[in-house]
Amino acid sequence: MSLTDTLKNTLSALTEGGLNRYRLDIPSCTASLDVEEFNGREFMSELYYYEVIFTSSDQNISSAQLLTRPATLTMGTGPLMGLTGQKVVHGVVTHFKRISGSRDQATYQIIIEPFLSLLRKQFRTHRFFVQ
């Protein structure tokens, strides 16, 4: 084994998970997702809200694969090759939109909110009958 092969194997092992310190995992989606940008909002006594823009080589991700499905956004801290800490956000996808596409990849936007936020989408009517 030459020095070039050794270096190539070492580099591929280091970058196996990618060089991105942010990871988006949606178990119901089989496409590989690469986080490009995100904005989050967290306050006391309010539900959190994360808007995530990501790219994928899959040009036609279906909204059925993502909407109301569990999602995890992981944010690594520290040096890129040795991330020391992580912040993990668990929630459900409440919004999905395809922003743009090119020949080799498409850009999408999702919003991750806690499971409780789905209660806002519930519609109930109350009927009271007076006799």
N, C-alpha and C. Protein backbone atom coordinates (compact mmCIF):
# COMPACT_ATOMS: atom_id res chain seq x y z
N MET A 1 0.85 -1.17 0.00
CA MET A 1 0.00 0.00 0.00
C MET A 1 0.90 1.24 0.00
N SER A 2 0.63 2.13 -0.92
CA SER A 2 1.46 3.33 -1.05
C SER A 2 1.01 4.41 -0.07
N LEU A 3 1.82 5.44 0.05
CA LEU A 3 1.49 6.56 0.93
C LEU A 3 0.23 7.27 0.45
N THR A 4 0.06 7.35 -0.86
CA THR A 4 -1.14 8.00 -1.42
C THR A 4 -2.40 7.24 -1.03
N ASP A 5 -2.36 5.91 -1.11
CA ASP A 5 -3.52 5.11 -0.72
C ASP A 5 -3.82 5.26 0.77
N THR A 6 -2.79 5.29 1.59
CA THR A 6 -2.98 5.45 3.02
C THR A 6 -3.63 6.79 3.34
N LEU A 7 -3.14 7.86 2.71
CA LEU A 7 -3.72 9.18 2.93
C LEU A 7 -5.15 9.26 2.43
N LYS A 8 -5.41 8.63 1.30
CA LYS A 8 -6.77 8.63 0.74
C LYS A 8 -7.73 7.91 1.68
N ASN A 9 -7.32 6.77 2.22
CA ASN A 9 -8.17 6.01 3.14
C ASN A 9 -8.41 6.77 4.44
N THR A 10 -7.37 7.43 4.95
CA THR A 10 -7.51 8.21 6.18
C THR A 10 -8.45 9.38 5.97
N LEU A 11 -8.29 10.08 4.86
CA LEU A 11 -9.14 11.23 4.57
C LEU A 11 -10.59 10.81 4.37
N SER A 12 -10.82 9.70 3.69
CA SER A 12 -12.20 9.25 3.48
C SER A 12 -12.83 8.80 4.79
N ALA A 13 -12.04 8.24 5.70
CA ALA A 13 -12.58 7.84 7.01
C ALA A 13 -12.96 9.07 7.83
N LEU A 14 -12.15 10.12 7.74
CA LEU A 14 -12.43 11.35 8.49
C LEU A 14 -13.66 12.07 7.96
N THR A 15 -13.84 12.06 6.66
CA THR A 15 -14.94 12.81 6.05
C THR A 15 -16.13 11.92 5.70
N GLU A 16 -16.18 10.73 6.25
CA GLU A 16 -17.26 9.79 5.93
C GLU A 16 -18.63 10.38 6.20
N GLY A 17 -18.80 11.08 7.31
CA GLY A 17 -20.08 11.70 7.63
C GLY A 17 -20.25 13.05 6.99
N GLY A 18 -19.30 13.50 6.21
CA GLY A 18 -19.36 14.82 5.58
C GLY A 18 -18.59 15.84 6.38
N LEU A 19 -18.32 16.97 5.77
CA LEU A 19 -17.60 18.04 6.44
C LEU A 19 -18.53 19.10 7.00
N ASN A 20 -19.77 18.78 7.14
CA ASN A 20 -20.75 19.72 7.65
C ASN A 20 -20.97 19.46 9.13
N ARG A 21 -20.94 20.51 9.94
CA ARG A 21 -21.16 20.33 11.37
C ARG A 21 -22.64 20.27 11.73
N TYR A 22 -23.51 20.44 10.75
CA TYR A 22 -24.96 20.38 10.97
C TYR A 22 -25.53 19.18 10.22
N ARG A 23 -26.42 18.44 10.88
CA ARG A 23 -26.97 17.24 10.27
C ARG A 23 -28.48 17.24 10.45
N LEU A 24 -29.18 16.91 9.39
CA LEU A 24 -30.63 16.81 9.40
C LEU A 24 -31.00 15.36 9.16
N ASP A 25 -31.78 14.79 10.07
CA ASP A 25 -32.18 13.40 9.94
C ASP A 25 -33.71 13.31 9.99
N ILE A 26 -34.27 12.79 8.90
CA ILE A 26 -35.71 12.55 8.82
C ILE A 26 -35.87 11.08 8.43
N PRO A 27 -36.20 10.21 9.38
CA PRO A 27 -36.23 8.77 9.10
C PRO A 27 -37.13 8.37 7.94
N SER A 28 -38.22 9.09 7.70
CA SER A 28 -39.14 8.72 6.63
C SER A 28 -38.64 9.11 5.24
N CYS A 29 -37.56 9.89 5.17
CA CYS A 29 -37.00 10.33 3.88
C CYS A 29 -35.73 9.54 3.59
N THR A 30 -35.69 8.90 2.43
CA THR A 30 -34.54 8.07 2.08
C THR A 30 -33.42 8.84 1.39
N ALA A 31 -33.68 10.07 0.96
CA ALA A 31 -32.67 10.87 0.26
C ALA A 31 -31.63 11.40 1.24
N SER A 32 -30.42 11.65 0.74
CA SER A 32 -29.39 12.27 1.59
C SER A 32 -29.65 13.77 1.65
N LEU A 33 -29.59 14.33 2.85
CA LEU A 33 -29.92 15.73 3.08
C LEU A 33 -28.68 16.45 3.61
N ASP A 34 -28.37 17.61 3.03
CA ASP A 34 -27.20 18.39 3.42
C ASP A 34 -27.66 19.78 3.85
N VAL A 35 -27.51 20.10 5.13
CA VAL A 35 -27.97 21.38 5.67
C VAL A 35 -27.12 22.51 5.10
N GLU A 36 -27.80 23.49 4.53
CA GLU A 36 -27.13 24.65 3.96
C GLU A 36 -27.24 25.86 4.88
N GLU A 37 -28.39 26.02 5.51
CA GLU A 37 -28.63 27.19 6.36
C GLU A 37 -29.80 26.89 7.29
N PHE A 38 -29.79 27.49 8.48
CA PHE A 38 -30.95 27.36 9.36
C PHE A 38 -31.06 28.60 10.25
N ASN A 39 -32.28 28.88 10.66
CA ASN A 39 -32.58 29.94 11.62
C ASN A 39 -33.49 29.34 12.66
N GLY A 40 -33.22 29.65 13.92
CA GLY A 40 -34.04 29.11 14.99
C GLY A 40 -34.52 30.18 15.93
N ARG A 41 -35.60 29.88 16.61
CA ARG A 41 -36.17 30.79 17.59
C ARG A 41 -36.59 29.97 18.80
N GLU A 42 -36.03 30.31 19.95
CA GLU A 42 -36.39 29.66 21.20
C GLU A 42 -36.60 30.73 22.26
N PHE A 43 -37.74 30.69 22.94
CA PHE A 43 -38.05 31.63 24.00
C PHE A 43 -38.61 30.86 25.19
N MET A 44 -38.63 31.51 26.33
CA MET A 44 -39.24 30.91 27.51
C MET A 44 -40.76 30.87 27.32
N SER A 45 -41.37 29.78 27.70
CA SER A 45 -42.83 29.60 27.67
C SER A 45 -43.43 29.72 26.28
N GLU A 46 -42.66 29.45 25.25
CA GLU A 46 -43.16 29.43 23.88
C GLU A 46 -42.59 28.22 23.17
N LEU A 47 -43.25 27.81 22.11
CA LEU A 47 -42.76 26.68 21.32
C LEU A 47 -41.61 27.14 20.42
N TYR A 48 -40.60 26.29 20.29
CA TYR A 48 -39.47 26.64 19.42
C TYR A 48 -39.86 26.47 17.96
N TYR A 49 -39.00 27.00 17.09
CA TYR A 49 -39.29 27.06 15.66
C TYR A 49 -37.95 27.11 14.93
N TYR A 50 -37.66 26.14 14.07
CA TYR A 50 -36.43 26.12 13.29
C TYR A 50 -36.77 26.04 11.81
N GLU A 51 -36.27 26.99 11.05
CA GLU A 51 -36.42 26.98 9.59
C GLU A 51 -35.09 26.48 9.02
N VAL A 52 -35.15 25.38 8.27
CA VAL A 52 -33.94 24.74 7.76
C VAL A 52 -33.99 24.72 6.24
N ILE A 53 -32.92 25.20 5.61
CA ILE A 53 -32.77 25.11 4.16
C ILE A 53 -31.70 24.07 3.89
N PHE A 54 -32.04 23.08 3.07
CA PHE A 54 -31.11 22.00 2.79
C PHE A 54 -31.12 21.66 1.31
N THR A 55 -30.07 20.97 0.89
CA THR A 55 -29.97 20.51 -0.50
C THR A 55 -29.98 18.99 -0.52
N SER A 56 -30.38 18.46 -1.66
CA SER A 56 -30.39 17.02 -1.86
C SER A 56 -30.20 16.71 -3.33
N SER A 57 -29.60 15.58 -3.61
CA SER A 57 -29.45 15.16 -5.00
C SER A 57 -30.77 14.62 -5.55
N ASP A 58 -31.71 14.31 -4.67
CA ASP A 58 -33.04 13.87 -5.08
C ASP A 58 -33.85 15.09 -5.53
N GLN A 59 -34.21 15.14 -6.79
CA GLN A 59 -34.91 16.30 -7.36
C GLN A 59 -36.38 16.37 -6.99
N ASN A 60 -36.96 15.25 -6.58
CA ASN A 60 -38.41 15.20 -6.35
C ASN A 60 -38.74 14.57 -5.01
N ILE A 61 -38.35 15.20 -3.93
CA ILE A 61 -38.73 14.71 -2.61
C ILE A 61 -40.22 15.02 -2.41
N SER A 62 -40.96 14.03 -2.06
CA SER A 62 -42.41 14.18 -1.89
C SER A 62 -42.73 14.81 -0.54
N SER A 63 -43.75 15.65 -0.53
CA SER A 63 -44.16 16.27 0.74
C SER A 63 -44.71 15.22 1.70
N ALA A 64 -45.23 14.12 1.17
CA ALA A 64 -45.75 13.04 2.02
C ALA A 64 -44.63 12.38 2.83
N GLN A 65 -43.40 12.43 2.33
CA GLN A 65 -42.27 11.86 3.06
C GLN A 65 -41.88 12.72 4.25
N LEU A 66 -42.22 14.01 4.23
CA LEU A 66 -41.71 14.93 5.24
C LEU A 66 -42.77 15.53 6.17
N LEU A 67 -43.89 15.96 5.62
CA LEU A 67 -44.86 16.69 6.44
C LEU A 67 -45.41 15.85 7.59
N THR A 68 -45.46 16.43 8.76
CA THR A 68 -45.90 15.82 10.02
C THR A 68 -45.07 14.60 10.42
N ARG A 69 -43.88 14.49 9.89
CA ARG A 69 -42.97 13.38 10.23
C ARG A 69 -41.92 13.86 11.22
N PRO A 70 -41.41 12.98 12.07
CA PRO A 70 -40.36 13.36 13.01
C PRO A 70 -39.08 13.78 12.29
N ALA A 71 -38.39 14.77 12.85
CA ALA A 71 -37.13 15.26 12.29
C ALA A 71 -36.19 15.61 13.44
N THR A 72 -34.89 15.47 13.17
CA THR A 72 -33.87 15.81 14.15
C THR A 72 -32.81 16.67 13.47
N LEU A 73 -32.55 17.83 14.05
CA LEU A 73 -31.48 18.72 13.60
C LEU A 73 -30.39 18.68 14.64
N THR A 74 -29.18 18.25 14.23
CA THR A 74 -28.05 18.15 15.14
C THR A 74 -27.02 19.20 14.78
N MET A 75 -26.60 19.97 15.77
CA MET A 75 -25.61 21.03 15.56
C MET A 75 -24.37 20.69 16.37
N GLY A 76 -23.26 20.47 15.69
CA GLY A 76 -22.01 20.15 16.35
C GLY A 76 -21.22 21.40 16.69
N THR A 77 -20.44 21.35 17.78
CA THR A 77 -19.60 22.47 18.16
C THR A 77 -18.16 22.01 18.29
N GLY A 78 -17.24 22.94 18.18
CA GLY A 78 -15.82 22.63 18.30
C GLY A 78 -15.17 22.53 16.94
N PRO A 79 -13.91 22.09 16.91
CA PRO A 79 -13.20 21.94 15.63
C PRO A 79 -13.91 20.95 14.72
N LEU A 80 -13.87 21.21 13.43
CA LEU A 80 -14.65 20.42 12.46
C LEU A 80 -14.28 18.94 12.47
N MET A 81 -13.00 18.62 12.59
CA MET A 81 -12.59 17.22 12.55
C MET A 81 -12.78 16.50 13.89
N GLY A 82 -13.09 17.23 14.94
CA GLY A 82 -13.31 16.59 16.24
C GLY A 82 -14.38 17.32 17.01
N LEU A 83 -15.62 17.20 16.57
CA LEU A 83 -16.72 17.92 17.22
C LEU A 83 -16.86 17.45 18.66
N THR A 84 -16.87 18.42 19.59
CA THR A 84 -16.87 18.08 21.01
C THR A 84 -18.26 18.08 21.62
N GLY A 85 -19.12 18.97 21.20
CA GLY A 85 -20.45 19.05 21.79
C GLY A 85 -21.52 19.04 20.72
N GLN A 86 -22.74 18.78 21.15
CA GLN A 86 -23.85 18.76 20.20
C GLN A 86 -25.09 19.37 20.83
N LYS A 87 -25.84 20.07 20.03
CA LYS A 87 -27.18 20.50 20.41
C LYS A 87 -28.11 19.78 19.45
N VAL A 88 -29.09 19.11 20.00
CA VAL A 88 -30.02 18.32 19.19
C VAL A 88 -31.42 18.89 19.36
N VAL A 89 -32.08 19.12 18.23
CA VAL A 89 -33.46 19.61 18.23
C VAL A 89 -34.34 18.52 17.63
N HIS A 90 -35.31 18.04 18.42
CA HIS A 90 -36.27 17.04 17.96
C HIS A 90 -37.59 17.74 17.70
N GLY A 91 -38.27 17.33 16.66
CA GLY A 91 -39.58 17.92 16.37
C GLY A 91 -40.23 17.24 15.19
N VAL A 92 -41.24 17.91 14.64
CA VAL A 92 -41.92 17.41 13.45
C VAL A 92 -41.86 18.49 12.37
N VAL A 93 -41.92 18.05 11.13
CA VAL A 93 -41.90 18.98 10.00
C VAL A 93 -43.31 19.51 9.81
N THR A 94 -43.46 20.83 9.93
CA THR A 94 -44.79 21.45 9.79
C THR A 94 -44.94 22.22 8.49
N HIS A 95 -43.85 22.41 7.76
CA HIS A 95 -43.90 23.16 6.49
C HIS A 95 -42.82 22.59 5.58
N PHE A 96 -43.13 22.45 4.29
CA PHE A 96 -42.17 21.93 3.32
C PHE A 96 -42.35 22.67 2.00
N LYS A 97 -41.23 23.10 1.42
CA LYS A 97 -41.29 23.81 0.14
C LYS A 97 -40.00 23.56 -0.64
N ARG A 98 -40.14 23.35 -1.94
CA ARG A 98 -38.98 23.26 -2.82
C ARG A 98 -38.65 24.66 -3.30
N ILE A 99 -37.44 25.12 -3.04
CA ILE A 99 -37.05 26.48 -3.37
C ILE A 99 -36.52 26.59 -4.79
N SER A 100 -35.59 25.70 -5.14
CA SER A 100 -35.00 25.76 -6.48
C SER A 100 -34.39 24.41 -6.82
N GLY A 101 -33.96 24.30 -8.06
CA GLY A 101 -33.32 23.07 -8.50
C GLY A 101 -32.35 23.34 -9.62
N SER A 102 -31.37 22.48 -9.73
CA SER A 102 -30.42 22.53 -10.83
C SER A 102 -30.27 21.12 -11.36
N ARG A 103 -29.32 20.92 -12.22
CA ARG A 103 -29.14 19.59 -12.81
C ARG A 103 -28.76 18.53 -11.79
N ASP A 104 -27.93 18.91 -10.81
CA ASP A 104 -27.41 17.90 -9.90
C ASP A 104 -28.02 17.92 -8.49
N GLN A 105 -28.72 19.00 -8.12
CA GLN A 105 -29.32 19.02 -6.79
C GLN A 105 -30.50 19.98 -6.72
N ALA A 106 -31.30 19.80 -5.70
CA ALA A 106 -32.45 20.68 -5.45
C ALA A 106 -32.32 21.26 -4.05
N THR A 107 -32.89 22.45 -3.86
CA THR A 107 -32.86 23.13 -2.57
C THR A 107 -34.27 23.15 -2.01
N TYR A 108 -34.39 22.77 -0.74
CA TYR A 108 -35.69 22.67 -0.08
C TYR A 108 -35.67 23.47 1.23
N GLN A 109 -36.86 23.78 1.72
CA GLN A 109 -37.00 24.47 2.99
C GLN A 109 -38.04 23.72 3.83
N ILE A 110 -37.71 23.49 5.09
CA ILE A 110 -38.67 22.90 6.02
C ILE A 110 -38.70 23.73 7.29
N ILE A 111 -39.75 23.56 8.06
CA ILE A 111 -39.84 24.16 9.39
C ILE A 111 -40.03 23.02 10.38
N ILE A 112 -39.18 23.01 11.40
CA ILE A 112 -39.26 22.00 12.46
C ILE A 112 -39.81 22.67 13.71
N GLU A 113 -40.87 22.10 14.25
CA GLU A 113 -41.49 22.60 15.47
C GLU A 113 -41.77 21.41 16.38
N PRO A 114 -42.03 21.65 17.66
CA PRO A 114 -42.34 20.53 18.55
C PRO A 114 -43.67 19.87 18.17
N PHE A 115 -43.82 18.64 18.60
CA PHE A 115 -45.02 17.87 18.27
C PHE A 115 -46.30 18.60 18.69
N LEU A 116 -46.24 19.35 19.78
CA LEU A 116 -47.41 20.09 20.27
C LEU A 116 -47.92 21.11 19.26
N SER A 117 -47.08 21.57 18.37
CA SER A 117 -47.50 22.58 17.39
C SER A 117 -48.55 22.04 16.43
N LEU A 118 -48.66 20.72 16.31
CA LEU A 118 -49.68 20.14 15.44
C LEU A 118 -51.08 20.40 15.96
N LEU A 119 -51.20 20.71 17.24
CA LEU A 119 -52.52 21.02 17.80
C LEU A 119 -53.10 22.29 17.21
N ARG A 120 -52.24 23.21 16.74
CA ARG A 120 -52.72 24.44 16.11
C ARG A 120 -53.46 24.14 14.81
N LYS A 121 -53.15 23.05 14.19
CA LYS A 121 -53.74 22.71 12.90
C LYS A 121 -55.05 21.95 13.05
N GLN A 122 -55.41 21.66 14.27
CA GLN A 122 -56.63 20.90 14.54
C GLN A 122 -57.82 21.86 14.57
N PHE A 123 -58.90 21.45 13.96
CA PHE A 123 -60.09 22.28 13.91
C PHE A 123 -61.21 21.56 14.64
N ARG A 124 -61.76 22.22 15.63
CA ARG A 124 -62.86 21.63 16.39
C ARG A 124 -64.03 22.59 16.41
N THR A 125 -65.19 22.04 16.30
CA THR A 125 -66.40 22.85 16.44
C THR A 125 -67.16 22.34 17.64
N HIS A 126 -67.71 23.25 18.36
CA HIS A 126 -68.52 22.90 19.53
C HIS A 126 -69.95 23.32 19.25
N ARG A 127 -70.85 22.43 19.49
CA ARG A 127 -72.27 22.74 19.31
C ARG A 127 -72.96 22.57 20.64
N PHE A 128 -73.62 23.61 21.01
CA PHE A 128 -74.37 23.57 22.26
C PHE A 128 -75.86 23.65 21.92
N PHE A 129 -76.60 22.73 22.42
CA PHE A 129 -78.04 22.71 22.16
C PHE A 129 -78.77 23.10 23.45
N VAL A 130 -79.57 24.12 23.32
CA VAL A 130 -80.34 24.59 24.47
C VAL A 130 -81.79 24.13 24.28
N GLN A 131 -82.35 23.54 25.30
CA GLN A 131 -83.72 23.06 25.18
C GLN A 131 -84.66 23.91 25.97
